[in-house]
Amino acid sequence: MARRVYHVWKGRNIFFCKGRLIFGPDAKSLIITLLLILVPVVIFCTNVARNLLHEFPTYNTGYVILVVTILFTIYVLVLLFLTSARDPGIVPRNLHPPEEEICYDPSTSVDVGEGHTPTPRLPRTKEVTVNGFSVKVKYCDTCMIYRPPRCSHCSVCDNCVERFDHHCPWVGQCIGLVCSIDCSILFYFLLN
């Protein structure tokens, strides 16, 4: 019987809902982030907004402020969940290194009986032509792939991530390709 990808995942990610939600290895930091968001909102709603309900009774301004605060808080929590529970653009690993480009390095040879046998080594970079332009791609020893441009290996999650920006400890996830697309879509809808 075929196994799902998240069952044999070699990174440090945590999966929920049969692999549909993917969190970083430090997902417990989300609890601190949630507390830093919710505690000030609860204090504001119980102290300040409650006093505003009685301050402007004719225009219901206190209720409007309270509702807007709650709606923005829900909006922020939904965006936090979407950012921390989605795949940031992880590039799948190879099971075996690419064989066609193995070169032998005589400086790192192994003694076998009477002679020396050179150990195979992949080139660290290679030139690839994309749309008529020459692009240099790097090899990742952990993932055994030549990484696409702007792809980096996250040492916390132990994955190569497309358009890797950083690993955010507040979100507990890498900020990469999917997060940047989400932000651009969000700003598009906010500005139009």
N, C-alpha and C. Protein backbone atom coordinates (compact mmCIF):
# COMPACT_ATOMS: atom_id res chain seq x y z
N MET A 1 0.84 -1.18 0.00
CA MET A 1 0.00 0.00 0.00
C MET A 1 0.88 1.24 0.00
N ALA A 2 0.55 2.21 -0.83
CA ALA A 2 1.36 3.43 -0.96
C ALA A 2 1.22 4.27 0.31
N ARG A 3 2.35 4.84 0.71
CA ARG A 3 2.35 5.71 1.89
C ARG A 3 2.26 7.15 1.44
N ARG A 4 1.63 7.98 2.24
CA ARG A 4 1.51 9.41 1.94
C ARG A 4 2.86 10.08 2.15
N VAL A 5 3.06 11.19 1.49
CA VAL A 5 4.34 11.89 1.53
C VAL A 5 4.68 12.32 2.95
N TYR A 6 3.70 12.80 3.71
CA TYR A 6 4.01 13.30 5.05
C TYR A 6 4.41 12.19 6.02
N HIS A 7 4.12 10.92 5.69
CA HIS A 7 4.56 9.81 6.54
C HIS A 7 6.06 9.58 6.44
N VAL A 8 6.63 9.84 5.28
CA VAL A 8 8.06 9.59 5.06
C VAL A 8 8.85 10.89 4.92
N TRP A 9 8.29 12.00 5.40
CA TRP A 9 8.93 13.31 5.28
C TRP A 9 10.22 13.35 6.07
N LYS A 10 11.29 13.85 5.44
CA LYS A 10 12.58 13.87 6.10
C LYS A 10 12.89 15.20 6.78
N GLY A 11 12.07 16.21 6.57
CA GLY A 11 12.28 17.49 7.24
C GLY A 11 11.79 17.43 8.68
N ARG A 12 11.85 18.55 9.35
CA ARG A 12 11.45 18.62 10.76
C ARG A 12 10.03 19.17 10.94
N ASN A 13 9.25 19.21 9.89
CA ASN A 13 7.91 19.78 9.96
C ASN A 13 6.94 18.88 10.71
N ILE A 14 5.85 19.50 11.20
CA ILE A 14 4.80 18.80 11.92
C ILE A 14 3.54 18.86 11.06
N PHE A 15 2.88 17.71 10.85
CA PHE A 15 1.71 17.64 9.98
C PHE A 15 0.46 17.35 10.80
N PHE A 16 -0.66 17.97 10.37
CA PHE A 16 -1.98 17.71 10.95
C PHE A 16 -2.99 17.53 9.82
N CYS A 17 -4.13 16.96 10.13
CA CYS A 17 -5.23 16.76 9.18
C CYS A 17 -4.76 16.02 7.94
N LYS A 18 -4.12 14.88 8.15
CA LYS A 18 -3.65 14.01 7.06
C LYS A 18 -2.73 14.75 6.08
N GLY A 19 -1.89 15.59 6.62
CA GLY A 19 -0.90 16.27 5.79
C GLY A 19 -1.37 17.56 5.15
N ARG A 20 -2.58 17.98 5.42
CA ARG A 20 -3.09 19.21 4.81
C ARG A 20 -2.54 20.46 5.48
N LEU A 21 -2.25 20.36 6.76
CA LEU A 21 -1.67 21.49 7.50
C LEU A 21 -0.22 21.13 7.82
N ILE A 22 0.70 22.02 7.48
CA ILE A 22 2.12 21.78 7.72
C ILE A 22 2.66 22.94 8.55
N PHE A 23 3.18 22.61 9.72
CA PHE A 23 3.75 23.60 10.63
C PHE A 23 5.25 23.40 10.71
N GLY A 24 5.95 24.43 11.12
CA GLY A 24 7.38 24.33 11.34
C GLY A 24 7.67 23.60 12.63
N PRO A 25 8.93 23.27 12.89
CA PRO A 25 9.26 22.51 14.10
C PRO A 25 9.07 23.31 15.38
N ASP A 26 9.05 24.63 15.29
CA ASP A 26 8.87 25.46 16.47
C ASP A 26 7.46 26.06 16.50
N ALA A 27 6.47 25.25 16.19
CA ALA A 27 5.07 25.70 16.16
C ALA A 27 4.55 26.06 17.55
N LYS A 28 5.24 25.63 18.60
CA LYS A 28 4.82 25.98 19.95
C LYS A 28 4.95 27.47 20.22
N SER A 29 5.79 28.15 19.44
CA SER A 29 5.93 29.59 19.61
C SER A 29 4.66 30.33 19.19
N LEU A 30 3.76 29.66 18.48
CA LEU A 30 2.48 30.27 18.12
C LEU A 30 1.65 30.60 19.36
N ILE A 31 1.83 29.84 20.42
CA ILE A 31 1.09 30.11 21.66
C ILE A 31 1.49 31.47 22.22
N ILE A 32 2.78 31.76 22.20
CA ILE A 32 3.26 33.07 22.68
C ILE A 32 2.75 34.17 21.77
N THR A 33 2.78 33.93 20.46
CA THR A 33 2.28 34.92 19.51
C THR A 33 0.79 35.18 19.72
N LEU A 34 0.02 34.12 19.92
CA LEU A 34 -1.41 34.29 20.18
C LEU A 34 -1.66 35.07 21.47
N LEU A 35 -0.88 34.79 22.50
CA LEU A 35 -1.03 35.54 23.75
C LEU A 35 -0.68 37.01 23.57
N LEU A 36 0.37 37.30 22.79
CA LEU A 36 0.76 38.69 22.54
C LEU A 36 -0.27 39.44 21.71
N ILE A 37 -1.09 38.73 20.98
CA ILE A 37 -2.17 39.38 20.22
C ILE A 37 -3.44 39.48 21.06
N LEU A 38 -3.82 38.38 21.71
CA LEU A 38 -5.12 38.32 22.39
C LEU A 38 -5.18 39.06 23.72
N VAL A 39 -4.11 39.04 24.50
CA VAL A 39 -4.15 39.70 25.81
C VAL A 39 -4.39 41.20 25.69
N PRO A 40 -3.66 41.94 24.84
CA PRO A 40 -3.97 43.37 24.70
C PRO A 40 -5.38 43.64 24.16
N VAL A 41 -5.86 42.78 23.26
CA VAL A 41 -7.21 42.98 22.72
C VAL A 41 -8.26 42.76 23.81
N VAL A 42 -8.09 41.75 24.62
CA VAL A 42 -9.04 41.49 25.71
C VAL A 42 -8.99 42.63 26.72
N ILE A 43 -7.81 43.12 27.05
CA ILE A 43 -7.69 44.26 27.98
C ILE A 43 -8.37 45.49 27.40
N PHE A 44 -8.16 45.74 26.10
CA PHE A 44 -8.79 46.88 25.45
C PHE A 44 -10.31 46.74 25.47
N CYS A 45 -10.81 45.57 25.12
CA CYS A 45 -12.26 45.39 25.05
C CYS A 45 -12.92 45.46 26.43
N THR A 46 -12.26 44.94 27.45
CA THR A 46 -12.88 44.95 28.79
C THR A 46 -12.77 46.30 29.49
N ASN A 47 -11.71 47.05 29.23
CA ASN A 47 -11.52 48.32 29.95
C ASN A 47 -11.90 49.53 29.11
N VAL A 48 -11.28 49.70 27.98
CA VAL A 48 -11.46 50.92 27.19
C VAL A 48 -12.79 50.90 26.43
N ALA A 49 -13.04 49.86 25.66
CA ALA A 49 -14.27 49.81 24.86
C ALA A 49 -15.52 49.78 25.72
N ARG A 50 -15.46 49.16 26.89
CA ARG A 50 -16.62 49.13 27.78
C ARG A 50 -16.96 50.53 28.27
N ASN A 51 -15.94 51.33 28.55
CA ASN A 51 -16.18 52.71 28.97
C ASN A 51 -16.70 53.56 27.81
N LEU A 52 -16.27 53.22 26.58
CA LEU A 52 -16.74 53.98 25.42
C LEU A 52 -18.21 53.71 25.12
N LEU A 53 -18.74 52.56 25.54
CA LEU A 53 -20.15 52.26 25.33
C LEU A 53 -21.04 53.28 26.04
N HIS A 54 -20.62 53.73 27.22
CA HIS A 54 -21.40 54.68 28.01
C HIS A 54 -21.04 56.12 27.68
N GLU A 55 -19.90 56.33 27.04
CA GLU A 55 -19.43 57.68 26.72
C GLU A 55 -20.20 58.30 25.55
N PHE A 56 -20.51 57.50 24.53
CA PHE A 56 -21.22 57.99 23.34
C PHE A 56 -22.48 57.15 23.09
N PRO A 57 -23.49 57.27 23.93
CA PRO A 57 -24.65 56.39 23.78
C PRO A 57 -25.55 56.74 22.59
N THR A 58 -25.56 57.99 22.14
CA THR A 58 -26.49 58.36 21.07
C THR A 58 -26.05 57.86 19.70
N TYR A 59 -24.77 57.82 19.44
CA TYR A 59 -24.29 57.42 18.12
C TYR A 59 -23.82 55.96 18.06
N ASN A 60 -23.85 55.26 19.16
CA ASN A 60 -23.37 53.88 19.25
C ASN A 60 -21.91 53.74 18.82
N THR A 61 -21.12 54.78 19.03
CA THR A 61 -19.71 54.77 18.65
C THR A 61 -18.93 53.73 19.43
N GLY A 62 -19.27 53.55 20.68
CA GLY A 62 -18.59 52.54 21.50
C GLY A 62 -18.78 51.14 20.94
N TYR A 63 -20.00 50.85 20.46
CA TYR A 63 -20.27 49.53 19.88
C TYR A 63 -19.51 49.35 18.56
N VAL A 64 -19.45 50.42 17.78
CA VAL A 64 -18.72 50.35 16.51
C VAL A 64 -17.24 50.07 16.76
N ILE A 65 -16.65 50.75 17.72
CA ILE A 65 -15.24 50.54 18.05
C ILE A 65 -15.01 49.12 18.54
N LEU A 66 -15.91 48.63 19.37
CA LEU A 66 -15.80 47.26 19.88
C LEU A 66 -15.91 46.24 18.75
N VAL A 67 -16.86 46.40 17.84
CA VAL A 67 -17.05 45.46 16.74
C VAL A 67 -15.86 45.50 15.78
N VAL A 68 -15.38 46.70 15.47
CA VAL A 68 -14.22 46.82 14.57
C VAL A 68 -12.99 46.18 15.19
N THR A 69 -12.79 46.35 16.47
CA THR A 69 -11.66 45.72 17.16
C THR A 69 -11.74 44.20 17.08
N ILE A 70 -12.91 43.66 17.33
CA ILE A 70 -13.08 42.21 17.28
C ILE A 70 -12.90 41.67 15.86
N LEU A 71 -13.44 42.38 14.86
CA LEU A 71 -13.30 41.94 13.47
C LEU A 71 -11.84 41.97 13.01
N PHE A 72 -11.11 43.03 13.36
CA PHE A 72 -9.69 43.09 12.99
C PHE A 72 -8.88 42.01 13.70
N THR A 73 -9.23 41.71 14.93
CA THR A 73 -8.53 40.64 15.65
C THR A 73 -8.78 39.29 14.99
N ILE A 74 -10.01 39.02 14.61
CA ILE A 74 -10.31 37.76 13.91
C ILE A 74 -9.56 37.70 12.58
N TYR A 75 -9.51 38.82 11.87
CA TYR A 75 -8.79 38.89 10.59
C TYR A 75 -7.30 38.59 10.79
N VAL A 76 -6.69 39.17 11.81
CA VAL A 76 -5.27 38.93 12.09
C VAL A 76 -5.04 37.48 12.47
N LEU A 77 -5.91 36.88 13.25
CA LEU A 77 -5.75 35.48 13.66
C LEU A 77 -5.91 34.53 12.47
N VAL A 78 -6.81 34.83 11.55
CA VAL A 78 -6.97 34.00 10.36
C VAL A 78 -5.70 34.08 9.50
N LEU A 79 -5.17 35.28 9.30
CA LEU A 79 -3.94 35.43 8.52
C LEU A 79 -2.75 34.74 9.20
N LEU A 80 -2.69 34.82 10.52
CA LEU A 80 -1.63 34.13 11.25
C LEU A 80 -1.73 32.62 11.05
N PHE A 81 -2.94 32.08 11.13
CA PHE A 81 -3.13 30.65 10.93
C PHE A 81 -2.78 30.24 9.50
N LEU A 82 -3.22 31.03 8.51
CA LEU A 82 -2.91 30.70 7.11
C LEU A 82 -1.40 30.73 6.85
N THR A 83 -0.72 31.68 7.46
CA THR A 83 0.73 31.78 7.25
C THR A 83 1.47 30.65 7.93
N SER A 84 1.04 30.27 9.11
CA SER A 84 1.80 29.26 9.86
C SER A 84 1.43 27.83 9.50
N ALA A 85 0.29 27.60 8.85
CA ALA A 85 -0.16 26.23 8.60
C ALA A 85 -0.06 25.81 7.15
N ARG A 86 0.52 26.65 6.29
CA ARG A 86 0.61 26.31 4.87
C ARG A 86 2.04 26.00 4.47
N ASP A 87 2.15 25.31 3.37
CA ASP A 87 3.45 25.00 2.79
C ASP A 87 4.07 26.29 2.26
N PRO A 88 5.25 26.68 2.73
CA PRO A 88 5.85 27.94 2.29
C PRO A 88 6.51 27.86 0.92
N GLY A 89 6.44 26.74 0.25
CA GLY A 89 7.10 26.57 -1.05
C GLY A 89 8.26 25.60 -0.95
N ILE A 90 8.07 24.53 -0.22
CA ILE A 90 9.14 23.54 0.00
C ILE A 90 9.41 22.79 -1.30
N VAL A 91 10.69 22.71 -1.66
CA VAL A 91 11.11 21.96 -2.84
C VAL A 91 11.32 20.51 -2.41
N PRO A 92 10.68 19.54 -3.09
CA PRO A 92 10.82 18.13 -2.68
C PRO A 92 12.27 17.65 -2.81
N ARG A 93 12.64 16.74 -1.91
CA ARG A 93 13.98 16.16 -1.92
C ARG A 93 14.08 15.04 -2.94
N ASN A 94 15.31 14.78 -3.37
CA ASN A 94 15.59 13.60 -4.17
C ASN A 94 15.92 12.44 -3.24
N LEU A 95 15.59 11.25 -3.66
CA LEU A 95 15.97 10.08 -2.87
C LEU A 95 17.44 9.72 -3.10
N HIS A 96 17.93 10.01 -4.30
CA HIS A 96 19.32 9.70 -4.65
C HIS A 96 19.92 10.92 -5.34
N PRO A 97 21.22 11.14 -5.19
CA PRO A 97 21.84 12.28 -5.88
C PRO A 97 21.82 12.08 -7.39
N PRO A 98 21.83 13.16 -8.16
CA PRO A 98 21.86 13.02 -9.61
C PRO A 98 23.16 12.33 -10.04
N GLU A 99 23.04 11.29 -10.86
CA GLU A 99 24.20 10.46 -11.19
C GLU A 99 24.96 10.94 -12.42
N GLU A 100 24.28 11.62 -13.35
CA GLU A 100 24.92 11.92 -14.60
C GLU A 100 26.04 12.94 -14.49
N GLU A 101 26.09 13.68 -13.41
CA GLU A 101 27.09 14.74 -13.31
C GLU A 101 28.09 14.50 -12.19
N ILE A 102 28.24 13.27 -11.74
CA ILE A 102 29.19 12.99 -10.68
C ILE A 102 30.60 13.07 -11.24
N CYS A 103 31.43 13.86 -10.59
CA CYS A 103 32.83 13.92 -10.98
C CYS A 103 33.65 13.37 -9.82
N TYR A 104 34.80 12.84 -10.13
CA TYR A 104 35.62 12.21 -9.10
C TYR A 104 36.72 13.16 -8.68
N ASP A 105 36.82 13.33 -7.38
CA ASP A 105 37.81 14.23 -6.82
C ASP A 105 38.99 13.40 -6.31
N PRO A 106 40.15 13.48 -6.98
CA PRO A 106 41.29 12.66 -6.56
C PRO A 106 41.89 13.09 -5.23
N SER A 107 41.62 14.32 -4.79
CA SER A 107 42.21 14.77 -3.52
C SER A 107 41.55 14.09 -2.32
N THR A 108 40.33 13.63 -2.49
CA THR A 108 39.63 12.93 -1.39
C THR A 108 39.51 11.46 -1.74
N SER A 109 40.62 10.82 -1.94
CA SER A 109 40.58 9.41 -2.34
C SER A 109 40.59 8.51 -1.12
N VAL A 110 40.09 7.31 -1.32
CA VAL A 110 39.99 6.32 -0.25
C VAL A 110 41.00 5.21 -0.53
N ASP A 111 41.73 4.78 0.49
CA ASP A 111 42.69 3.67 0.32
C ASP A 111 41.94 2.35 0.25
N VAL A 112 42.13 1.65 -0.85
CA VAL A 112 41.52 0.33 -1.03
C VAL A 112 42.64 -0.62 -1.43
N GLY A 113 43.07 -1.44 -0.52
CA GLY A 113 44.14 -2.41 -0.83
C GLY A 113 45.43 -1.70 -1.20
N GLU A 114 45.84 -1.87 -2.46
CA GLU A 114 47.11 -1.31 -2.90
C GLU A 114 46.97 0.08 -3.50
N GLY A 115 45.80 0.45 -4.03
CA GLY A 115 45.68 1.73 -4.71
C GLY A 115 44.70 2.67 -4.03
N HIS A 116 44.55 3.81 -4.65
CA HIS A 116 43.62 4.82 -4.15
C HIS A 116 42.42 4.89 -5.08
N THR A 117 41.22 4.91 -4.51
CA THR A 117 40.01 5.05 -5.29
C THR A 117 39.43 6.43 -5.00
N PRO A 118 39.25 7.25 -6.04
CA PRO A 118 38.69 8.59 -5.79
C PRO A 118 37.21 8.48 -5.41
N THR A 119 36.77 9.37 -4.50
CA THR A 119 35.37 9.36 -4.07
C THR A 119 34.56 10.26 -4.99
N PRO A 120 33.32 9.86 -5.30
CA PRO A 120 32.49 10.69 -6.17
C PRO A 120 32.06 11.97 -5.46
N ARG A 121 31.97 13.04 -6.22
CA ARG A 121 31.56 14.33 -5.68
C ARG A 121 30.78 15.07 -6.75
N LEU A 122 29.66 15.68 -6.37
CA LEU A 122 28.88 16.48 -7.30
C LEU A 122 29.44 17.90 -7.35
N PRO A 123 29.36 18.53 -8.51
CA PRO A 123 29.81 19.93 -8.57
C PRO A 123 28.89 20.80 -7.72
N ARG A 124 29.44 21.78 -7.04
CA ARG A 124 28.68 22.64 -6.13
C ARG A 124 27.71 23.56 -6.88
N THR A 125 28.07 23.96 -8.09
CA THR A 125 27.20 24.82 -8.90
C THR A 125 27.20 24.31 -10.34
N LYS A 126 26.18 24.72 -11.06
CA LYS A 126 26.17 24.41 -12.49
C LYS A 126 25.38 25.51 -13.20
N GLU A 127 25.74 25.72 -14.47
CA GLU A 127 25.10 26.74 -15.29
C GLU A 127 23.89 26.12 -16.00
N VAL A 128 22.76 26.80 -15.92
CA VAL A 128 21.53 26.36 -16.57
C VAL A 128 21.00 27.52 -17.41
N THR A 129 20.51 27.24 -18.60
CA THR A 129 19.95 28.28 -19.44
C THR A 129 18.43 28.31 -19.27
N VAL A 130 17.92 29.48 -18.87
CA VAL A 130 16.48 29.68 -18.66
C VAL A 130 16.06 30.89 -19.48
N ASN A 131 15.17 30.66 -20.45
CA ASN A 131 14.67 31.73 -21.32
C ASN A 131 15.81 32.51 -21.99
N GLY A 132 16.85 31.82 -22.37
CA GLY A 132 17.97 32.46 -23.05
C GLY A 132 19.00 33.09 -22.14
N PHE A 133 18.78 33.05 -20.83
CA PHE A 133 19.72 33.62 -19.87
C PHE A 133 20.43 32.50 -19.13
N SER A 134 21.70 32.71 -18.87
CA SER A 134 22.48 31.72 -18.12
C SER A 134 22.33 32.00 -16.63
N VAL A 135 21.89 30.97 -15.89
CA VAL A 135 21.65 31.09 -14.45
C VAL A 135 22.50 30.05 -13.74
N LYS A 136 23.16 30.47 -12.67
CA LYS A 136 23.96 29.55 -11.87
C LYS A 136 23.10 29.02 -10.73
N VAL A 137 22.97 27.69 -10.62
CA VAL A 137 22.20 27.08 -9.55
C VAL A 137 23.16 26.31 -8.63
N LYS A 138 22.82 26.30 -7.34
CA LYS A 138 23.67 25.65 -6.35
C LYS A 138 23.10 24.29 -5.98
N TYR A 139 23.98 23.42 -5.52
CA TYR A 139 23.58 22.07 -5.10
C TYR A 139 23.40 22.05 -3.59
N CYS A 140 22.31 21.43 -3.13
CA CYS A 140 22.06 21.26 -1.70
C CYS A 140 22.40 19.82 -1.34
N ASP A 141 23.38 19.63 -0.46
CA ASP A 141 23.79 18.29 -0.06
C ASP A 141 22.72 17.56 0.75
N THR A 142 21.94 18.28 1.52
CA THR A 142 20.93 17.65 2.36
C THR A 142 19.75 17.15 1.52
N CYS A 143 19.25 18.00 0.62
CA CYS A 143 18.09 17.65 -0.19
C CYS A 143 18.47 16.93 -1.48
N MET A 144 19.75 16.91 -1.81
CA MET A 144 20.28 16.25 -3.01
C MET A 144 19.63 16.77 -4.29
N ILE A 145 19.48 18.11 -4.38
CA ILE A 145 18.93 18.75 -5.57
C ILE A 145 19.76 19.96 -5.92
N TYR A 146 19.67 20.37 -7.19
CA TYR A 146 20.17 21.68 -7.57
C TYR A 146 19.02 22.64 -7.34
N ARG A 147 19.24 23.60 -6.43
CA ARG A 147 18.18 24.51 -6.03
C ARG A 147 17.86 25.52 -7.12
N PRO A 148 16.58 25.84 -7.29
CA PRO A 148 16.20 26.91 -8.22
C PRO A 148 16.73 28.26 -7.71
N PRO A 149 16.78 29.28 -8.56
CA PRO A 149 17.21 30.60 -8.09
C PRO A 149 16.32 31.11 -6.97
N ARG A 150 16.90 31.84 -6.03
CA ARG A 150 16.26 32.40 -4.84
C ARG A 150 15.73 31.33 -3.90
N CYS A 151 16.21 30.13 -4.02
CA CYS A 151 15.84 29.04 -3.13
C CYS A 151 16.99 28.84 -2.15
N SER A 152 16.67 28.68 -0.87
CA SER A 152 17.68 28.44 0.14
C SER A 152 17.23 27.31 1.06
N HIS A 153 18.20 26.76 1.77
CA HIS A 153 17.91 25.68 2.71
C HIS A 153 17.72 26.29 4.10
N CYS A 154 16.58 26.01 4.72
CA CYS A 154 16.30 26.50 6.07
C CYS A 154 16.90 25.51 7.07
N SER A 155 17.77 26.01 7.91
CA SER A 155 18.42 25.13 8.88
C SER A 155 17.48 24.72 10.01
N VAL A 156 16.43 25.48 10.25
CA VAL A 156 15.49 25.15 11.31
C VAL A 156 14.52 24.06 10.85
N CYS A 157 13.94 24.22 9.68
CA CYS A 157 12.97 23.25 9.15
C CYS A 157 13.64 22.09 8.42
N ASP A 158 14.88 22.27 8.00
CA ASP A 158 15.65 21.27 7.26
C ASP A 158 15.01 20.98 5.91
N ASN A 159 14.59 22.04 5.21
CA ASN A 159 14.01 21.94 3.88
C ASN A 159 14.55 23.05 3.01
N CYS A 160 14.57 22.81 1.69
CA CYS A 160 14.84 23.88 0.73
C CYS A 160 13.51 24.55 0.43
N VAL A 161 13.49 25.90 0.48
CA VAL A 161 12.26 26.67 0.31
C VAL A 161 12.46 27.67 -0.83
N GLU A 162 11.49 27.68 -1.77
CA GLU A 162 11.54 28.64 -2.87
C GLU A 162 11.30 30.05 -2.35
N ARG A 163 12.03 31.01 -2.92
CA ARG A 163 11.96 32.42 -2.53
C ARG A 163 12.08 32.57 -1.02
N PHE A 164 13.00 31.84 -0.44
CA PHE A 164 13.19 31.84 1.01
C PHE A 164 13.59 33.23 1.47
N ASP A 165 12.87 33.77 2.43
CA ASP A 165 13.20 35.05 3.01
C ASP A 165 13.83 34.86 4.38
N HIS A 166 13.13 34.20 5.29
CA HIS A 166 13.66 33.91 6.62
C HIS A 166 12.76 32.89 7.30
N HIS A 167 13.25 32.36 8.40
CA HIS A 167 12.41 31.49 9.23
C HIS A 167 11.90 32.36 10.37
N CYS A 168 10.59 32.53 10.43
CA CYS A 168 9.99 33.43 11.41
C CYS A 168 9.67 32.68 12.70
N PRO A 169 10.30 33.03 13.81
CA PRO A 169 9.99 32.33 15.05
C PRO A 169 8.61 32.68 15.61
N TRP A 170 8.06 33.83 15.23
CA TRP A 170 6.73 34.22 15.73
C TRP A 170 5.65 33.41 15.05
N VAL A 171 5.85 33.06 13.80
CA VAL A 171 4.88 32.28 13.04
C VAL A 171 5.20 30.79 13.16
N GLY A 172 6.46 30.46 13.41
CA GLY A 172 6.88 29.07 13.52
C GLY A 172 7.00 28.40 12.17
N GLN A 173 7.25 29.17 11.12
CA GLN A 173 7.27 28.64 9.75
C GLN A 173 8.23 29.48 8.91
N CYS A 174 8.69 28.91 7.82
CA CYS A 174 9.52 29.66 6.88
C CYS A 174 8.64 30.65 6.11
N ILE A 175 9.22 31.79 5.81
CA ILE A 175 8.55 32.77 4.98
C ILE A 175 9.17 32.63 3.60
N GLY A 176 8.36 32.15 2.65
CA GLY A 176 8.89 31.86 1.33
C GLY A 176 7.90 32.18 0.24
N LEU A 177 7.84 31.34 -0.77
CA LEU A 177 7.06 31.58 -1.98
C LEU A 177 5.59 31.79 -1.69
N VAL A 178 4.96 30.91 -0.96
CA VAL A 178 3.51 30.98 -0.75
C VAL A 178 3.15 32.19 0.09
N CYS A 179 3.96 32.51 1.09
CA CYS A 179 3.68 33.66 1.94
C CYS A 179 3.76 34.96 1.15
N SER A 180 4.73 35.07 0.25
CA SER A 180 4.85 36.30 -0.54
C SER A 180 3.69 36.42 -1.52
N ILE A 181 3.20 35.31 -2.05
CA ILE A 181 2.03 35.35 -2.93
C ILE A 181 0.79 35.75 -2.14
N ASP A 182 0.62 35.21 -0.93
CA ASP A 182 -0.51 35.58 -0.09
C ASP A 182 -0.51 37.06 0.22
N CYS A 183 0.66 37.61 0.56
CA CYS A 183 0.75 39.04 0.89
C CYS A 183 0.42 39.90 -0.31
N SER A 184 0.89 39.51 -1.50
CA SER A 184 0.61 40.32 -2.69
C SER A 184 -0.88 40.27 -3.04
N ILE A 185 -1.53 39.12 -2.87
CA ILE A 185 -2.97 39.03 -3.11
C ILE A 185 -3.73 39.86 -2.08
N LEU A 186 -3.30 39.80 -0.83
CA LEU A 186 -3.95 40.56 0.23
C LEU A 186 -3.86 42.05 -0.05
N PHE A 187 -2.67 42.55 -0.42
CA PHE A 187 -2.52 43.98 -0.70
C PHE A 187 -3.31 44.39 -1.94
N TYR A 188 -3.44 43.50 -2.91
CA TYR A 188 -4.23 43.80 -4.10
C TYR A 188 -5.69 44.06 -3.72
N PHE A 189 -6.25 43.18 -2.86
CA PHE A 189 -7.64 43.35 -2.47
C PHE A 189 -7.83 44.53 -1.54
N LEU A 190 -6.86 44.85 -0.72
CA LEU A 190 -6.98 45.98 0.18
C LEU A 190 -6.91 47.31 -0.57
N LEU A 191 -6.07 47.36 -1.61
CA LEU A 191 -5.89 48.61 -2.33
C LEU A 191 -6.95 48.85 -3.40
N ASN A 192 -7.65 47.82 -3.82
CA ASN A 192 -8.67 47.99 -4.88
C ASN A 192 -10.07 47.92 -4.35
